[in-house]
Amino acid sequence: MYDETEMVYSLFCARDRFLEDDGLCMSYGDIVYDRSVVEALRNCDAPLCFVIDSEWRRLWKLRFDDPLSDAETLRIEGDHVVEIGAEPSKYDEIDGQYIGLIKVRRDYVDEFVDAYDSLDQSSIHMTRFIQHLIDTGWQVEPVEIDGVGWKSIR
């Protein structure tokens, strides 16, 4: 079944392991992070935080002939993410790229699960799920890094 679903579905297969007392931190399995990146995320106190690379284009240029073809929109207004996960048509729709490291504050874990349960769960991508949370009023804050402290293993 894993080949017919997205990673969000797999994450919620472990919902009985989500502990409200500790909050919830999730990482993509093919990315490694320096301790400083994880600590920066831990220090964010918004209901939902995730790490973005504001210098993403440098790495994407090494991996893709057209970096825009693999990027997703990510717009920040003030201290909050207001858009993520759409297909961009130009670079100014991208304030950074989500790098697969996210935290849900402990008092929002139940609401996080409830939000997931309200959707077609088998086919939603993580960034689309985050956008759903934004659209339903969640305060989502970026934790910005500048091109160092993480690496995708591909």
Protein backbone atom coordinates (compact mmCIF):
# COMPACT_ATOMS: atom_id res chain seq x y z
CA MET A 1 0.00 0.00 0.00
CA TYR A 2 2.94 2.39 0.61
CA ASP A 3 3.40 2.72 -3.16
CA GLU A 4 -0.16 4.08 -3.47
CA THR A 5 -0.03 6.66 -0.69
CA GLU A 6 1.93 9.72 0.29
CA MET A 7 4.21 10.25 3.30
CA VAL A 8 1.51 12.03 5.31
CA TYR A 9 -0.54 8.84 5.26
CA SER A 10 2.46 6.89 6.55
CA LEU A 11 3.04 9.46 9.28
CA PHE A 12 -0.50 9.11 10.57
CA CYS A 13 -0.23 5.33 10.66
CA ALA A 14 1.84 6.04 13.79
CA ARG A 15 -0.73 8.41 15.37
CA ASP A 16 -0.95 6.28 18.50
CA ARG A 17 2.70 7.21 19.13
CA PHE A 18 2.06 10.97 18.99
CA LEU A 19 2.55 12.22 22.53
CA GLU A 20 0.89 15.49 23.50
CA ASP A 21 3.32 15.98 26.39
CA ASP A 22 6.28 16.09 24.03
CA GLY A 23 4.87 17.69 20.92
CA LEU A 24 5.65 16.20 17.55
CA CYS A 25 8.75 16.56 15.41
CA MET A 26 8.92 14.97 11.98
CA SER A 27 11.71 14.62 9.46
CA TYR A 28 11.91 13.30 5.95
CA GLY A 29 13.89 10.07 5.96
CA ASP A 30 16.29 11.02 3.16
CA ILE A 31 17.59 14.26 4.69
CA VAL A 32 20.17 14.81 7.42
CA TYR A 33 20.38 17.94 9.56
CA ASP A 34 23.02 19.55 11.74
CA ARG A 35 22.20 19.82 15.42
CA SER A 36 21.94 23.61 15.06
CA VAL A 37 19.06 23.27 12.58
CA VAL A 38 17.14 20.93 14.89
CA GLU A 39 17.78 23.23 17.87
CA ALA A 40 16.49 26.23 15.91
CA LEU A 41 13.29 24.30 15.20
CA ARG A 42 12.95 23.25 18.83
CA ASN A 43 13.18 26.90 19.88
CA CYS A 44 10.22 27.93 17.72
CA ASP A 45 7.06 28.23 19.82
CA ALA A 46 4.36 28.60 17.16
CA PRO A 47 1.65 25.91 16.91
CA LEU A 48 3.40 24.64 13.78
CA CYS A 49 6.96 25.45 12.66
CA PHE A 50 9.08 24.13 9.85
CA VAL A 51 12.56 24.74 8.54
CA ILE A 52 13.06 26.53 5.25
CA ASP A 53 16.21 27.21 3.30
CA SER A 54 16.22 30.83 2.13
CA GLU A 55 19.27 30.10 -0.07
CA TRP A 56 17.61 27.14 -1.75
CA ARG A 57 18.40 28.18 -5.34
CA ARG A 58 22.12 27.48 -4.98
CA LEU A 59 21.51 23.80 -4.20
CA TRP A 60 18.67 23.42 -6.70
CA LYS A 61 20.92 24.82 -9.47
CA LEU A 62 23.38 22.02 -8.76
CA ARG A 63 20.66 19.38 -9.03
CA PHE A 64 18.36 20.67 -11.79
CA ASP A 65 18.78 22.40 -15.13
CA ASP A 66 15.66 24.41 -14.26
CA PRO A 67 15.45 24.88 -10.47
CA LEU A 68 11.95 26.31 -10.75
CA SER A 69 10.69 23.00 -12.16
CA ASP A 70 11.28 21.22 -8.81
CA ALA A 71 10.45 24.08 -6.45
CA GLU A 72 7.20 24.85 -4.66
CA THR A 73 5.76 28.20 -3.73
CA LEU A 74 6.47 29.44 -0.24
CA ARG A 75 5.43 32.94 0.74
CA ILE A 76 6.03 34.59 4.08
CA GLU A 77 4.21 37.66 5.36
CA GLY A 78 5.58 39.07 8.58
CA ASP A 79 6.51 36.09 10.73
CA HIS A 80 4.04 33.65 9.17
CA VAL A 81 3.91 31.36 6.19
CA VAL A 82 0.84 32.23 4.10
CA GLU A 83 1.37 29.93 1.13
CA ILE A 84 3.21 26.69 0.45
CA GLY A 85 3.12 23.83 -2.00
CA ALA A 86 1.81 25.24 -5.27
CA GLU A 87 3.66 25.11 -8.57
CA PRO A 88 5.48 28.42 -9.01
CA SER A 89 5.57 30.31 -12.28
CA LYS A 90 8.34 32.70 -11.19
CA TYR A 91 11.05 32.93 -8.55
CA ASP A 92 9.45 35.77 -6.61
CA GLU A 93 6.74 33.34 -5.46
CA ILE A 94 9.39 31.54 -3.41
CA ASP A 95 10.79 32.99 -0.18
CA GLY A 96 12.51 29.70 0.61
CA GLN A 97 12.02 25.95 0.34
CA TYR A 98 10.66 23.61 2.99
CA ILE A 99 13.37 21.04 3.76
CA GLY A 100 11.37 18.29 5.43
CA LEU A 101 11.71 19.17 9.12
CA ILE A 102 8.56 20.18 10.99
CA LYS A 103 7.33 20.56 14.57
CA VAL A 104 3.84 20.64 16.05
CA ARG A 105 3.62 22.21 19.49
CA ARG A 106 2.40 19.77 22.15
CA ASP A 107 -0.93 21.56 22.76
CA TYR A 108 -1.80 21.30 19.05
CA VAL A 109 -1.12 17.61 18.43
CA ASP A 110 -4.80 16.60 18.80
CA GLU A 111 -5.87 19.39 16.43
CA PHE A 112 -3.18 18.27 13.98
CA VAL A 113 -4.66 14.78 13.97
CA ASP A 114 -8.21 16.14 13.66
CA ALA A 115 -7.16 18.26 10.67
CA TYR A 116 -5.74 15.21 8.96
CA ASP A 117 -8.85 13.16 9.70
CA SER A 118 -10.97 15.77 7.92
CA LEU A 119 -9.19 15.21 4.59
CA ASP A 120 -8.82 12.59 1.86
CA GLN A 121 -5.89 11.12 3.70
CA SER A 122 -4.28 8.70 1.29
CA SER A 123 -3.11 11.17 -1.32
CA ILE A 124 -2.18 14.43 0.36
CA HIS A 125 1.37 15.77 0.17
CA MET A 126 2.94 17.31 3.28
CA THR A 127 3.10 20.81 1.82
CA ARG A 128 -0.57 20.61 0.75
CA PHE A 129 -1.45 19.46 4.26
CA ILE A 130 0.45 22.42 5.72
CA GLN A 131 -1.44 24.73 3.34
CA HIS A 132 -4.71 23.22 4.56
CA LEU A 133 -3.67 24.05 8.13
CA ILE A 134 -2.84 27.63 7.11
CA ASP A 135 -6.17 27.94 5.31
CA THR A 136 -8.01 26.82 8.44
CA GLY A 137 -6.32 29.40 10.66
CA TRP A 138 -3.19 27.76 11.99
CA GLN A 139 -0.27 30.02 12.87
CA VAL A 140 2.63 28.58 10.90
CA GLU A 141 6.12 30.02 11.34
CA PRO A 142 9.21 29.40 9.25
CA VAL A 143 12.56 28.67 10.82
CA GLU A 144 14.95 30.08 8.26
CA ILE A 145 18.41 28.76 7.49
CA ASP A 146 20.71 30.05 4.79
CA GLY A 147 21.89 27.11 2.74
CA VAL A 148 23.90 25.22 5.33
CA GLY A 149 23.13 22.61 7.96
CA TRP A 150 21.25 20.05 5.91
CA LYS A 151 21.75 17.63 3.06
CA SER A 152 19.42 15.56 0.95
CA ILE A 153 20.61 12.00 0.35
CA ARG A 154 19.72 11.04 -3.20
